[in-house]
Amino acid sequence: MEPVLKRIVEAAADPSFEKPMDMLHWLMEAHPKFTDKVSQNLATLQLGISFAAIPTTTLTATNAFYDLAASPALATELREEARQALADNNGIFTSNALQSMKKMDSFLKEVLRLRPASMGK
């Protein structure tokens, strides 16, 4: 997130910059002095807001984290798959990188199959 924040700060120095009305800019206004610590705080705030905004995503992610904590070997496999996908895409997290992560896809489908994120019975 830090590179994004730095680009925003640099763009804002231009007198013709028109500030977008989005959550990230609102959070940045609350922390006018840009530092690494502020960058981490903004990332944490944005993550918290995103998770709170979508309960089913939060529930699925929480279940996935629990499963990963219970199976360190699986976590290692998925981490390696993600590293390889990034390496194959010049270190950029692209849609192709995501689509190449077959183990991750299977893992998340299994999380959803075993513990569906639904509000019903």
PDB file of N, CA and C in Angstrom:
ATOM      1  N   MET A   1       0.821  -1.186   0.000  1.00  0.00           N
ATOM      2  CA  MET A   1       0.000   0.000   0.000  1.00  0.00           C
ATOM      3  C   MET A   1       0.870   1.257   0.000  1.00  0.00           C
ATOM      4  N   GLU A   2       2.074   1.132   0.534  1.00  0.00           N
ATOM      5  CA  GLU A   2       2.945   2.297   0.625  1.00  0.00           C
ATOM      6  C   GLU A   2       3.231   2.941  -0.731  1.00  0.00           C
ATOM      7  N   PRO A   3       3.527   2.148  -1.794  1.00  0.00           N
ATOM      8  CA  PRO A   3       3.756   2.789  -3.092  1.00  0.00           C
ATOM      9  C   PRO A   3       2.532   3.565  -3.591  1.00  0.00           C
ATOM     10  N   VAL A   4       1.348   3.040  -3.337  1.00  0.00           N
ATOM     11  CA  VAL A   4       0.117   3.732  -3.745  1.00  0.00           C
ATOM     12  C   VAL A   4       0.002   5.061  -3.009  1.00  0.00           C
ATOM     13  N   LEU A   5       0.256   5.036  -1.712  1.00  0.00           N
ATOM     14  CA  LEU A   5       0.166   6.269  -0.924  1.00  0.00           C
ATOM     15  C   LEU A   5       1.198   7.293  -1.379  1.00  0.00           C
ATOM     16  N   LYS A   6       2.407   6.837  -1.687  1.00  0.00           N
ATOM     17  CA  LYS A   6       3.445   7.770  -2.157  1.00  0.00           C
ATOM     18  C   LYS A   6       3.041   8.403  -3.486  1.00  0.00           C
ATOM     19  N   ARG A   7       2.453   7.594  -4.391  1.00  0.00           N
ATOM     20  CA  ARG A   7       1.997   8.157  -5.677  1.00  0.00           C
ATOM     21  C   ARG A   7       0.915   9.204  -5.457  1.00  0.00           C
ATOM     22  N   ILE A   8       0.030   8.939  -4.517  1.00  0.00           N
ATOM     23  CA  ILE A   8      -1.037   9.900  -4.227  1.00  0.00           C
ATOM     24  C   ILE A   8      -0.452  11.193  -3.683  1.00  0.00           C
ATOM     25  N   VAL A   9       0.503  11.078  -2.764  1.00  0.00           N
ATOM     26  CA  VAL A   9       1.135  12.270  -2.184  1.00  0.00           C
ATOM     27  C   VAL A   9       1.845  13.064  -3.277  1.00  0.00           C
ATOM     28  N   GLU A  10       2.557  12.375  -4.178  1.00  0.00           N
ATOM     29  CA  GLU A  10       3.244  13.055  -5.277  1.00  0.00           C
ATOM     30  C   GLU A  10       2.243  13.727  -6.217  1.00  0.00           C
ATOM     31  N   ALA A  11       1.162  13.037  -6.549  1.00  0.00           N
ATOM     32  CA  ALA A  11       0.144  13.607  -7.442  1.00  0.00           C
ATOM     33  C   ALA A  11      -0.524  14.814  -6.804  1.00  0.00           C
ATOM     34  N   ALA A  12      -0.718  14.768  -5.497  1.00  0.00           N
ATOM     35  CA  ALA A  12      -1.385  15.871  -4.794  1.00  0.00           C
ATOM     36  C   ALA A  12      -0.543  17.139  -4.803  1.00  0.00           C
ATOM     37  N   ALA A  13       0.759  17.014  -5.047  1.00  0.00           N
ATOM     38  CA  ALA A  13       1.628  18.195  -5.108  1.00  0.00           C
ATOM     39  C   ALA A  13       1.362  19.020  -6.370  1.00  0.00           C
ATOM     40  N   ASP A  14       0.749  18.411  -7.367  1.00  0.00           N
ATOM     41  CA  ASP A  14       0.406  19.115  -8.605  1.00  0.00           C
ATOM     42  C   ASP A  14      -0.795  20.015  -8.341  1.00  0.00           C
ATOM     43  N   PRO A  15      -0.690  21.306  -8.681  1.00  0.00           N
ATOM     44  CA  PRO A  15      -1.803  22.230  -8.419  1.00  0.00           C
ATOM     45  C   PRO A  15      -3.109  21.850  -9.123  1.00  0.00           C
ATOM     46  N   SER A  16      -3.021  21.090 -10.215  1.00  0.00           N
ATOM     47  CA  SER A  16      -4.239  20.706 -10.942  1.00  0.00           C
ATOM     48  C   SER A  16      -4.843  19.395 -10.417  1.00  0.00           C
ATOM     49  N   PHE A  17      -4.271  18.847  -9.361  1.00  0.00           N
ATOM     50  CA  PHE A  17      -4.752  17.584  -8.801  1.00  0.00           C
ATOM     51  C   PHE A  17      -6.169  17.745  -8.276  1.00  0.00           C
ATOM     52  N   GLU A  18      -7.054  16.848  -8.719  1.00  0.00           N
ATOM     53  CA  GLU A  18      -8.424  16.829  -8.209  1.00  0.00           C
ATOM     54  C   GLU A  18      -8.565  15.612  -7.309  1.00  0.00           C
ATOM     55  N   LYS A  19      -8.781  15.867  -6.045  1.00  0.00           N
ATOM     56  CA  LYS A  19      -8.834  14.798  -5.053  1.00  0.00           C
ATOM     57  C   LYS A  19     -10.093  13.957  -5.243  1.00  0.00           C
ATOM     58  N   PRO A  20      -9.924  12.648  -5.412  1.00  0.00           N
ATOM     59  CA  PRO A  20     -11.092  11.771  -5.503  1.00  0.00           C
ATOM     60  C   PRO A  20     -11.790  11.665  -4.150  1.00  0.00           C
ATOM     61  N   MET A  21     -13.053  11.358  -4.186  1.00  0.00           N
ATOM     62  CA  MET A  21     -13.808  11.153  -2.950  1.00  0.00           C
ATOM     63  C   MET A  21     -13.894   9.653  -2.706  1.00  0.00           C
ATOM     64  N   ASP A  22     -12.860   9.110  -2.080  1.00  0.00           N
ATOM     65  CA  ASP A  22     -12.868   7.689  -1.762  1.00  0.00           C
ATOM     66  C   ASP A  22     -12.323   7.471  -0.353  1.00  0.00           C
ATOM     67  N   MET A  23     -12.485   6.263   0.130  1.00  0.00           N
ATOM     68  CA  MET A  23     -12.113   5.943   1.506  1.00  0.00           C
ATOM     69  C   MET A  23     -10.634   6.198   1.772  1.00  0.00           C
ATOM     70  N   LEU A  24      -9.778   5.832   0.831  1.00  0.00           N
ATOM     71  CA  LEU A  24      -8.347   6.002   1.043  1.00  0.00           C
ATOM     72  C   LEU A  24      -7.987   7.473   1.229  1.00  0.00           C
ATOM     73  N   HIS A  25      -8.566   8.345   0.416  1.00  0.00           N
ATOM     74  CA  HIS A  25      -8.278   9.775   0.558  1.00  0.00           C
ATOM     75  C   HIS A  25      -8.841  10.332   1.862  1.00  0.00           C
ATOM     76  N   TRP A  26      -9.981   9.849   2.285  1.00  0.00           N
ATOM     77  CA  TRP A  26     -10.538  10.300   3.564  1.00  0.00           C
ATOM     78  C   TRP A  26      -9.624   9.894   4.710  1.00  0.00           C
ATOM     79  N   LEU A  27      -9.115   8.660   4.643  1.00  0.00           N
ATOM     80  CA  LEU A  27      -8.194   8.201   5.686  1.00  0.00           C
ATOM     81  C   LEU A  27      -6.898   9.011   5.665  1.00  0.00           C
ATOM     82  N   MET A  28      -6.426   9.339   4.470  1.00  0.00           N
ATOM     83  CA  MET A  28      -5.197  10.132   4.366  1.00  0.00           C
ATOM     84  C   MET A  28      -5.389  11.536   4.929  1.00  0.00           C
ATOM     85  N   GLU A  29      -6.566  12.101   4.741  1.00  0.00           N
ATOM     86  CA  GLU A  29      -6.836  13.427   5.306  1.00  0.00           C
ATOM     87  C   GLU A  29      -6.769  13.396   6.833  1.00  0.00           C
ATOM     88  N   ALA A  30      -7.133  12.271   7.412  1.00  0.00           N
ATOM     89  CA  ALA A  30      -7.088  12.139   8.868  1.00  0.00           C
ATOM     90  C   ALA A  30      -5.641  12.048   9.369  1.00  0.00           C
ATOM     91  N   HIS A  31      -4.714  11.696   8.475  1.00  0.00           N
ATOM     92  CA  HIS A  31      -3.287  11.596   8.812  1.00  0.00           C
ATOM     93  C   HIS A  31      -2.493  12.421   7.805  1.00  0.00           C
ATOM     94  N   PRO A  32      -2.480  13.748   7.930  1.00  0.00           N
ATOM     95  CA  PRO A  32      -1.876  14.591   6.897  1.00  0.00           C
ATOM     96  C   PRO A  32      -0.366  14.428   6.725  1.00  0.00           C
ATOM     97  N   LYS A  33       0.358  14.017   7.753  1.00  0.00           N
ATOM     98  CA  LYS A  33       1.806  13.834   7.615  1.00  0.00           C
ATOM     99  C   LYS A  33       2.088  12.386   7.238  1.00  0.00           C
ATOM    100  N   PHE A  34       2.631  12.211   6.035  1.00  0.00           N
ATOM    101  CA  PHE A  34       2.872  10.867   5.508  1.00  0.00           C
ATOM    102  C   PHE A  34       4.183  10.312   6.057  1.00  0.00           C
ATOM    103  N   THR A  35       4.113   9.200   6.759  1.00  0.00           N
ATOM    104  CA  THR A  35       5.294   8.483   7.250  1.00  0.00           C
ATOM    105  C   THR A  35       5.045   6.993   7.060  1.00  0.00           C
ATOM    106  N   ASP A  36       6.100   6.198   7.267  1.00  0.00           N
ATOM    107  CA  ASP A  36       5.936   4.743   7.152  1.00  0.00           C
ATOM    108  C   ASP A  36       4.914   4.236   8.154  1.00  0.00           C
ATOM    109  N   LYS A  37       4.932   4.787   9.382  1.00  0.00           N
ATOM    110  CA  LYS A  37       3.983   4.349  10.411  1.00  0.00           C
ATOM    111  C   LYS A  37       2.554   4.694   9.984  1.00  0.00           C
ATOM    112  N   VAL A  38       2.370   5.882   9.420  1.00  0.00           N
ATOM    113  CA  VAL A  38       1.039   6.269   8.938  1.00  0.00           C
ATOM    114  C   VAL A  38       0.607   5.325   7.821  1.00  0.00           C
ATOM    115  N   SER A  39       1.533   4.970   6.942  1.00  0.00           N
ATOM    116  CA  SER A  39       1.226   4.044   5.855  1.00  0.00           C
ATOM    117  C   SER A  39       0.722   2.716   6.410  1.00  0.00           C
ATOM    118  N   GLN A  40       1.386   2.193   7.428  1.00  0.00           N
ATOM    119  CA  GLN A  40       0.951   0.939   8.048  1.00  0.00           C
ATOM    120  C   GLN A  40      -0.412   1.107   8.708  1.00  0.00           C
ATOM    121  N   ASN A  41      -0.624   2.231   9.380  1.00  0.00           N
ATOM    122  CA  ASN A  41      -1.915   2.479  10.029  1.00  0.00           C
ATOM    123  C   ASN A  41      -3.038   2.564   8.999  1.00  0.00           C
ATOM    124  N   LEU A  42      -2.779   3.249   7.884  1.00  0.00           N
ATOM    125  CA  LEU A  42      -3.799   3.370   6.840  1.00  0.00           C
ATOM    126  C   LEU A  42      -4.121   2.001   6.243  1.00  0.00           C
ATOM    127  N   ALA A  43      -3.096   1.199   6.034  1.00  0.00           N
ATOM    128  CA  ALA A  43      -3.327  -0.147   5.500  1.00  0.00           C
ATOM    129  C   ALA A  43      -4.171  -0.966   6.472  1.00  0.00           C
ATOM    130  N   THR A  44      -3.868  -0.852   7.753  1.00  0.00           N
ATOM    131  CA  THR A  44      -4.628  -1.583   8.772  1.00  0.00           C
ATOM    132  C   THR A  44      -6.073  -1.099   8.821  1.00  0.00           C
ATOM    133  N   LEU A  45      -6.260   0.215   8.779  1.00  0.00           N
ATOM    134  CA  LEU A  45      -7.618   0.771   8.788  1.00  0.00           C
ATOM    135  C   LEU A  45      -8.408   0.314   7.565  1.00  0.00           C
ATOM    136  N   GLN A  46      -7.779   0.391   6.389  1.00  0.00           N
ATOM    137  CA  GLN A  46      -8.454   0.000   5.150  1.00  0.00           C
ATOM    138  C   GLN A  46      -8.830  -1.477   5.189  1.00  0.00           C
ATOM    139  N   LEU A  47      -7.917  -2.302   5.682  1.00  0.00           N
ATOM    140  CA  LEU A  47      -8.201  -3.729   5.785  1.00  0.00           C
ATOM    141  C   LEU A  47      -9.367  -3.981   6.734  1.00  0.00           C
ATOM    142  N   GLY A  48      -9.361  -3.306   7.870  1.00  0.00           N
ATOM    143  CA  GLY A  48     -10.451  -3.455   8.834  1.00  0.00           C
ATOM    144  C   GLY A  48     -11.788  -3.030   8.264  1.00  0.00           C
ATOM    145  N   ILE A  49     -11.790  -1.920   7.556  1.00  0.00           N
ATOM    146  CA  ILE A  49     -13.024  -1.419   6.943  1.00  0.00           C
ATOM    147  C   ILE A  49     -13.525  -2.408   5.889  1.00  0.00           C
ATOM    148  N   SER A  50     -12.601  -2.914   5.077  1.00  0.00           N
ATOM    149  CA  SER A  50     -12.987  -3.858   4.027  1.00  0.00           C
ATOM    150  C   SER A  50     -13.561  -5.137   4.617  1.00  0.00           C
ATOM    151  N   PHE A  51     -12.920  -5.648   5.653  1.00  0.00           N
ATOM    152  CA  PHE A  51     -13.415  -6.879   6.272  1.00  0.00           C
ATOM    153  C   PHE A  51     -14.765  -6.657   6.932  1.00  0.00           C
ATOM    154  N   ALA A  52     -14.925  -5.536   7.596  1.00  0.00           N
ATOM    155  CA  ALA A  52     -16.189  -5.274   8.286  1.00  0.00           C
ATOM    156  C   ALA A  52     -17.326  -5.033   7.297  1.00  0.00           C
ATOM    157  N   ALA A  53     -16.983  -4.562   6.107  1.00  0.00           N
ATOM    158  CA  ALA A  53     -18.005  -4.216   5.125  1.00  0.00           C
ATOM    159  C   ALA A  53     -18.682  -5.446   4.528  1.00  0.00           C
ATOM    160  N   ILE A  54     -18.004  -6.541   4.516  1.00  0.00           N
ATOM    161  CA  ILE A  54     -18.542  -7.715   3.840  1.00  0.00           C
ATOM    162  C   ILE A  54     -18.434  -8.927   4.768  1.00  0.00           C
ATOM    163  N   PRO A  55     -19.467  -9.194   5.555  1.00  0.00           N
ATOM    164  CA  PRO A  55     -19.397 -10.279   6.550  1.00  0.00           C
ATOM    165  C   PRO A  55     -19.093 -11.656   5.977  1.00  0.00           C
ATOM    166  N   THR A  56     -19.620 -11.980   4.800  1.00  0.00           N
ATOM    167  CA  THR A  56     -19.351 -13.316   4.262  1.00  0.00           C
ATOM    168  C   THR A  56     -17.879 -13.470   3.889  1.00  0.00           C
ATOM    169  N   THR A  57     -17.279 -12.413   3.374  1.00  0.00           N
ATOM    170  CA  THR A  57     -15.853 -12.453   3.058  1.00  0.00           C
ATOM    171  C   THR A  57     -15.049 -12.606   4.338  1.00  0.00           C
ATOM    172  N   THR A  58     -15.449 -11.882   5.365  1.00  0.00           N
ATOM    173  CA  THR A  58     -14.766 -11.969   6.652  1.00  0.00           C
ATOM    174  C   THR A  58     -14.854 -13.382   7.209  1.00  0.00           C
ATOM    175  N   LEU A  59     -16.032 -13.969   7.154  1.00  0.00           N
ATOM    176  CA  LEU A  59     -16.219 -15.320   7.679  1.00  0.00           C
ATOM    177  C   LEU A  59     -15.388 -16.333   6.898  1.00  0.00           C
ATOM    178  N   THR A  60     -15.395 -16.223   5.583  1.00  0.00           N
ATOM    179  CA  THR A  60     -14.615 -17.142   4.759  1.00  0.00           C
ATOM    180  C   THR A  60     -13.123 -16.983   5.030  1.00  0.00           C
ATOM    181  N   ALA A  61     -12.652 -15.744   5.085  1.00  0.00           N
ATOM    182  CA  ALA A  61     -11.232 -15.504   5.362  1.00  0.00           C
ATOM    183  C   ALA A  61     -10.856 -16.027   6.744  1.00  0.00           C
ATOM    184  N   THR A  62     -11.711 -15.800   7.725  1.00  0.00           N
ATOM    185  CA  THR A  62     -11.441 -16.289   9.081  1.00  0.00           C
ATOM    186  C   THR A  62     -11.348 -17.808   9.094  1.00  0.00           C
ATOM    187  N   ASN A  63     -12.285 -18.473   8.433  1.00  0.00           N
ATOM    188  CA  ASN A  63     -12.245 -19.935   8.357  1.00  0.00           C
ATOM    189  C   ASN A  63     -10.982 -20.417   7.643  1.00  0.00           C
ATOM    190  N   ALA A  64     -10.593 -19.711   6.586  1.00  0.00           N
ATOM    191  CA  ALA A  64      -9.370 -20.079   5.862  1.00  0.00           C
ATOM    192  C   ALA A  64      -8.150 -19.909   6.766  1.00  0.00           C
ATOM    193  N   PHE A  65      -8.101 -18.815   7.522  1.00  0.00           N
ATOM    194  CA  PHE A  65      -6.971 -18.591   8.435  1.00  0.00           C
ATOM    195  C   PHE A  65      -6.911 -19.681   9.503  1.00  0.00           C
ATOM    196  N   TYR A  66      -8.067 -20.078  10.031  1.00  0.00           N
ATOM    197  CA  TYR A  66      -8.096 -21.161  11.022  1.00  0.00           C
ATOM    198  C   TYR A  66      -7.563 -22.462  10.415  1.00  0.00           C
ATOM    199  N   ASP A  67      -8.003 -22.774   9.199  1.00  0.00           N
ATOM    200  CA  ASP A  67      -7.539 -23.996   8.545  1.00  0.00           C
ATOM    201  C   ASP A  67      -6.032 -23.950   8.297  1.00  0.00           C
ATOM    202  N   LEU A  68      -5.530 -22.793   7.888  1.00  0.00           N
ATOM    203  CA  LEU A  68      -4.090 -22.657   7.658  1.00  0.00           C
ATOM    204  C   LEU A  68      -3.308 -22.796   8.961  1.00  0.00           C
ATOM    205  N   ALA A  69      -3.842 -22.226  10.036  1.00  0.00           N
ATOM    206  CA  ALA A  69      -3.177 -22.339  11.338  1.00  0.00           C
ATOM    207  C   ALA A  69      -3.148 -23.792  11.808  1.00  0.00           C
ATOM    208  N   ALA A  70      -4.178 -24.545  11.471  1.00  0.00           N
ATOM    209  CA  ALA A  70      -4.261 -25.947  11.880  1.00  0.00           C
ATOM    210  C   ALA A  70      -3.404 -26.859  11.006  1.00  0.00           C
ATOM    211  N   SER A  71      -2.975 -26.350   9.852  1.00  0.00           N
ATOM    212  CA  SER A  71      -2.198 -27.173   8.922  1.00  0.00           C
ATOM    213  C   SER A  71      -1.009 -26.382   8.379  1.00  0.00           C
ATOM    214  N   PRO A  72       0.053 -26.254   9.174  1.00  0.00           N
ATOM    215  CA  PRO A  72       1.218 -25.474   8.734  1.00  0.00           C
ATOM    216  C   PRO A  72       1.831 -25.973   7.423  1.00  0.00           C
ATOM    217  N   ALA A  73       1.787 -27.277   7.184  1.00  0.00           N
ATOM    218  CA  ALA A  73       2.348 -27.806   5.936  1.00  0.00           C
ATOM    219  C   ALA A  73       1.574 -27.277   4.734  1.00  0.00           C
ATOM    220  N   LEU A  74       0.262 -27.208   4.860  1.00  0.00           N
ATOM    221  CA  LEU A  74      -0.568 -26.665   3.783  1.00  0.00           C
ATOM    222  C   LEU A  74      -0.273 -25.179   3.584  1.00  0.00           C
ATOM    223  N   ALA A  75      -0.121 -24.460   4.672  1.00  0.00           N
ATOM    224  CA  ALA A  75       0.200 -23.031   4.578  1.00  0.00           C
ATOM    225  C   ALA A  75       1.511 -22.835   3.825  1.00  0.00           C
ATOM    226  N   THR A  76       2.480 -23.692   4.084  1.00  0.00           N
ATOM    227  CA  THR A  76       3.772 -23.608   3.391  1.00  0.00           C
ATOM    228  C   THR A  76       3.599 -23.872   1.900  1.00  0.00           C
ATOM    229  N   GLU A  77       2.811 -24.885   1.552  1.00  0.00           N
ATOM    230  CA  GLU A  77       2.547 -25.190   0.133  1.00  0.00           C
ATOM    231  C   GLU A  77       1.880 -24.017  -0.581  1.00  0.00           C
ATOM    232  N   LEU A  78       0.870 -23.436   0.059  1.00  0.00           N
ATOM    233  CA  LEU A  78       0.142 -22.325  -0.564  1.00  0.00           C
ATOM    234  C   LEU A  78       1.027 -21.089  -0.686  1.00  0.00           C
ATOM    235  N   ARG A  79       1.860 -20.853   0.317  1.00  0.00           N
ATOM    236  CA  ARG A  79       2.784 -19.713   0.269  1.00  0.00           C
ATOM    237  C   ARG A  79       3.756 -19.886  -0.895  1.00  0.00           C
ATOM    238  N   GLU A  80       4.274 -21.102  -1.071  1.00  0.00           N
ATOM    239  CA  GLU A  80       5.204 -21.367  -2.166  1.00  0.00           C
ATOM    240  C   GLU A  80       4.507 -21.206  -3.518  1.00  0.00           C
ATOM    241  N   GLU A  81       3.270 -21.662  -3.618  1.00  0.00           N
ATOM    242  CA  GLU A  81       2.520 -21.498  -4.864  1.00  0.00           C
ATOM    243  C   GLU A  81       2.329 -20.015  -5.185  1.00  0.00           C
ATOM    244  N   ALA A  82       2.022 -19.220  -4.176  1.00  0.00           N
ATOM    245  CA  ALA A  82       1.846 -17.773  -4.379  1.00  0.00           C
ATOM    246  C   ALA A  82       3.163 -17.126  -4.796  1.00  0.00           C
ATOM    247  N   ARG A  83       4.260 -17.522  -4.157  1.00  0.00           N
ATOM    248  CA  ARG A  83       5.579 -16.979  -4.540  1.00  0.00           C
ATOM    249  C   ARG A  83       5.895 -17.302  -5.996  1.00  0.00           C
ATOM    250  N   GLN A  84       5.620 -18.535  -6.396  1.00  0.00           N
ATOM    251  CA  GLN A  84       5.895 -18.943  -7.767  1.00  0.00           C
ATOM    252  C   GLN A  84       5.014 -18.179  -8.753  1.00  0.00           C
ATOM    253  N   ALA A  85       3.751 -17.998  -8.414  1.00  0.00           N
ATOM    254  CA  ALA A  85       2.839 -17.252  -9.292  1.00  0.00           C
ATOM    255  C   ALA A  85       3.322 -15.816  -9.466  1.00  0.00           C
ATOM    256  N   LEU A  86       3.787 -15.212  -8.393  1.00  0.00           N
ATOM    257  CA  LEU A  86       4.318 -13.849  -8.482  1.00  0.00           C
ATOM    258  C   LEU A  86       5.604 -13.823  -9.303  1.00  0.00           C
ATOM    259  N   ALA A  87       6.484 -14.790  -9.087  1.00  0.00           N
ATOM    260  CA  ALA A  87       7.738 -14.847  -9.846  1.00  0.00           C
ATOM    261  C   ALA A  87       7.461 -14.995 -11.341  1.00  0.00           C
ATOM    262  N   ASP A  88       6.459 -15.782 -11.678  1.00  0.00           N
ATOM    263  CA  ASP A  88       6.107 -15.997 -13.084  1.00  0.00           C
ATOM    264  C   ASP A  88       5.458 -14.774 -13.722  1.00  0.00           C
ATOM    265  N   ASN A  89       5.060 -13.804 -12.909  1.00  0.00           N
ATOM    266  CA  ASN A  89       4.388 -12.599 -13.413  1.00  0.00           C
ATOM    267  C   ASN A  89       5.149 -11.337 -13.030  1.00  0.00           C
ATOM    268  N   ASN A  90       6.476 -11.438 -13.051  1.00  0.00           N
ATOM    269  CA  ASN A  90       7.352 -10.288 -12.783  1.00  0.00           C
ATOM    270  C   ASN A  90       7.087  -9.629 -11.441  1.00  0.00           C
ATOM    271  N   GLY A  91       6.689 -10.420 -10.459  1.00  0.00           N
ATOM    272  CA  GLY A  91       6.469  -9.886  -9.120  1.00  0.00           C
ATOM    273  C   GLY A  91       5.200  -9.079  -8.971  1.00  0.00           C
ATOM    274  N   ILE A  92       4.345  -9.128  -9.991  1.00  0.00           N
ATOM    275  CA  ILE A  92       3.106  -8.347  -9.965  1.00  0.00           C
ATOM    276  C   ILE A  92       1.929  -9.297  -9.781  1.00  0.00           C
ATOM    277  N   PHE A  93       1.066  -8.950  -8.851  1.00  0.00           N
ATOM    278  CA  PHE A  93      -0.109  -9.785  -8.583  1.00  0.00           C
ATOM    279  C   PHE A  93      -1.169  -9.457  -9.628  1.00  0.00           C
ATOM    280  N   THR A  94      -1.244 -10.288 -10.648  1.00  0.00           N
ATOM    281  CA  THR A  94      -2.171 -10.067 -11.758  1.00  0.00           C
ATOM    282  C   THR A  94      -3.268 -11.124 -11.736  1.00  0.00           C
ATOM    283  N   SER A  95      -4.232 -10.950 -12.610  1.00  0.00           N
ATOM    284  CA  SER A  95      -5.293 -11.943 -12.735  1.00  0.00           C
ATOM    285  C   SER A  95      -4.709 -13.272 -13.210  1.00  0.00           C
ATOM    286  N   ASN A  96      -3.691 -13.234 -14.081  1.00  0.00           N
ATOM    287  CA  ASN A  96      -3.030 -14.474 -14.520  1.00  0.00           C
ATOM    288  C   ASN A  96      -2.344 -15.165 -13.349  1.00  0.00           C
ATOM    289  N   ALA A  97      -1.711 -14.383 -12.487  1.00  0.00           N
ATOM    290  CA  ALA A  97      -1.054 -14.960 -11.304  1.00  0.00           C
ATOM    291  C   ALA A  97      -2.092 -15.651 -10.431  1.00  0.00           C
ATOM    292  N   LEU A  98      -3.203 -14.986 -10.221  1.00  0.00           N
ATOM    293  CA  LEU A  98      -4.266 -15.555  -9.389  1.00  0.00           C
ATOM    294  C   LEU A  98      -4.813 -16.841 -10.003  1.00  0.00           C
ATOM    295  N   GLN A  99      -5.045 -16.818 -11.310  1.00  0.00           N
ATOM    296  CA  GLN A  99      -5.604 -17.992 -11.987  1.00  0.00           C
ATOM    297  C   GLN A  99      -4.645 -19.175 -11.999  1.00  0.00           C
ATOM    298  N   SER A 100      -3.359 -18.910 -11.879  1.00  0.00           N
ATOM    299  CA  SER A 100      -2.385 -20.007 -11.885  1.00  0.00           C
ATOM    300  C   SER A 100      -2.285 -20.712 -10.533  1.00  0.00           C
ATOM    301  N   MET A 101      -2.886 -20.159  -9.499  1.00  0.00           N
ATOM    302  CA  MET A 101      -2.792 -20.743  -8.156  1.00  0.00           C
ATOM    303  C   MET A 101      -3.907 -21.777  -7.944  1.00  0.00           C
ATOM    304  N   LYS A 102      -3.687 -22.966  -8.497  1.00  0.00           N
ATOM    305  CA  LYS A 102      -4.692 -24.041  -8.442  1.00  0.00           C
ATOM    306  C   LYS A 102      -4.888 -24.584  -7.025  1.00  0.00           C
ATOM    307  N   LYS A 103      -3.793 -24.721  -6.279  1.00  0.00           N
ATOM    308  CA  LYS A 103      -3.915 -25.226  -4.903  1.00  0.00           C
ATOM    309  C   LYS A 103      -4.708 -24.245  -4.042  1.00  0.00           C
ATOM    310  N   MET A 104      -4.432 -22.955  -4.222  1.00  0.00           N
ATOM    311  CA  MET A 104      -5.159 -21.936  -3.459  1.00  0.00           C
ATOM    312  C   MET A 104      -6.645 -21.985  -3.799  1.00  0.00           C
ATOM    313  N   ASP A 105      -6.948 -22.128  -5.083  1.00  0.00           N
ATOM    314  CA  ASP A 105      -8.339 -22.218  -5.516  1.00  0.00           C
ATOM    315  C   ASP A 105      -9.027 -23.420  -4.871  1.00  0.00           C
ATOM    316  N   SER A 106      -8.362 -24.564  -4.919  1.00  0.00           N
ATOM    317  CA  SER A 106      -8.939 -25.775  -4.316  1.00  0.00           C
ATOM    318  C   SER A 106      -9.106 -25.617  -2.811  1.00  0.00           C
ATOM    319  N   PHE A 107      -8.113 -25.029  -2.165  1.00  0.00           N
ATOM    320  CA  PHE A 107      -8.180 -24.817  -0.715  1.00  0.00           C
ATOM    321  C   PHE A 107      -9.385 -23.950  -0.349  1.00  0.00           C
ATOM    322  N   LEU A 108      -9.561 -22.821  -1.039  1.00  0.00           N
ATOM    323  CA  LEU A 108     -10.676 -21.923  -0.711  1.00  0.00           C
ATOM    324  C   LEU A 108     -12.028 -22.567  -1.024  1.00  0.00           C
ATOM    325  N   LYS A 109     -12.100 -23.333  -2.100  1.00  0.00           N
ATOM    326  CA  LYS A 109     -13.346 -24.052  -2.404  1.00  0.00           C
ATOM    327  C   LYS A 109     -13.673 -25.051  -1.301  1.00  0.00           C
ATOM    328  N   GLU A 110     -12.643 -25.713  -0.781  1.00  0.00           N
ATOM    329  CA  GLU A 110     -12.858 -26.684   0.297  1.00  0.00           C
ATOM    330  C   GLU A 110     -13.291 -25.977   1.583  1.00  0.00           C
ATOM    331  N   VAL A 111     -12.706 -24.824   1.868  1.00  0.00           N
ATOM    332  CA  VAL A 111     -13.132 -24.038   3.034  1.00  0.00           C
ATOM    333  C   VAL A 111     -14.615 -23.701   2.902  1.00  0.00           C
ATOM    334  N   LEU A 112     -15.018 -23.247   1.726  1.00  0.00           N
ATOM    335  CA  LEU A 112     -16.425 -22.890   1.499  1.00  0.00           C
ATOM    336  C   LEU A 112     -17.341 -24.114   1.535  1.00  0.00           C
ATOM    337  N   ARG A 113     -16.855 -25.250   1.052  1.00  0.00           N
ATOM    338  CA  ARG A 113     -17.671 -26.465   1.074  1.00  0.00           C
ATOM    339  C   ARG A 113     -17.906 -26.939   2.507  1.00  0.00           C
ATOM    340  N   LEU A 114     -16.848 -26.930   3.308  1.00  0.00           N
ATOM    341  CA  LEU A 114     -16.957 -27.436   4.676  1.00  0.00           C
ATOM    342  C   LEU A 114     -17.678 -26.474   5.615  1.00  0.00           C
ATOM    343  N   ARG A 115     -17.478 -25.177   5.402  1.00  0.00           N
ATOM    344  CA  ARG A 115     -18.094 -24.158   6.266  1.00  0.00           C
ATOM    345  C   ARG A 115     -18.628 -23.009   5.406  1.00  0.00           C
ATOM    346  N   PRO A 116     -19.760 -23.228   4.767  1.00  0.00           N
ATOM    347  CA  PRO A 116     -20.294 -22.175   3.887  1.00  0.00           C
ATOM    348  C   PRO A 116     -20.608 -20.898   4.662  1.00  0.00           C
ATOM    349  N   ALA A 117     -20.335 -19.788   4.030  1.00  0.00           N
ATOM    350  CA  ALA A 117     -20.582 -18.486   4.653  1.00  0.00           C
ATOM    351  C   ALA A 117     -21.996 -18.034   4.317  1.00  0.00           C
ATOM    352  N   SER A 118     -22.958 -18.685   4.941  1.00  0.00           N
ATOM    353  CA  SER A 118     -24.352 -18.318   4.688  1.00  0.00           C
ATOM    354  C   SER A 118     -25.033 -17.981   5.997  1.00  0.00           C
ATOM    355  N   MET A 119     -26.128 -17.281   5.891  1.00  0.00           N
ATOM    356  CA  MET A 119     -26.858 -16.863   7.075  1.00  0.00           C
ATOM    357  C   MET A 119     -27.980 -17.839   7.422  1.00  0.00           C
ATOM    358  N   GLY A 120     -28.265 -18.759   6.520  1.00  0.00           N
ATOM    359  CA  GLY A 120     -29.357 -19.706   6.757  1.00  0.00           C
ATOM    360  C   GLY A 120     -28.900 -20.914   7.553  1.00  0.00           C
ATOM    361  N   LYS A 121     -29.810 -21.890   7.656  1.00  0.00           N
ATOM    362  CA  LYS A 121     -29.503 -23.117   8.410  1.00  0.00           C
ATOM    363  C   LYS A 121     -28.572 -24.015   7.651  1.00  0.00           C
TER     364      LYS A 121
END
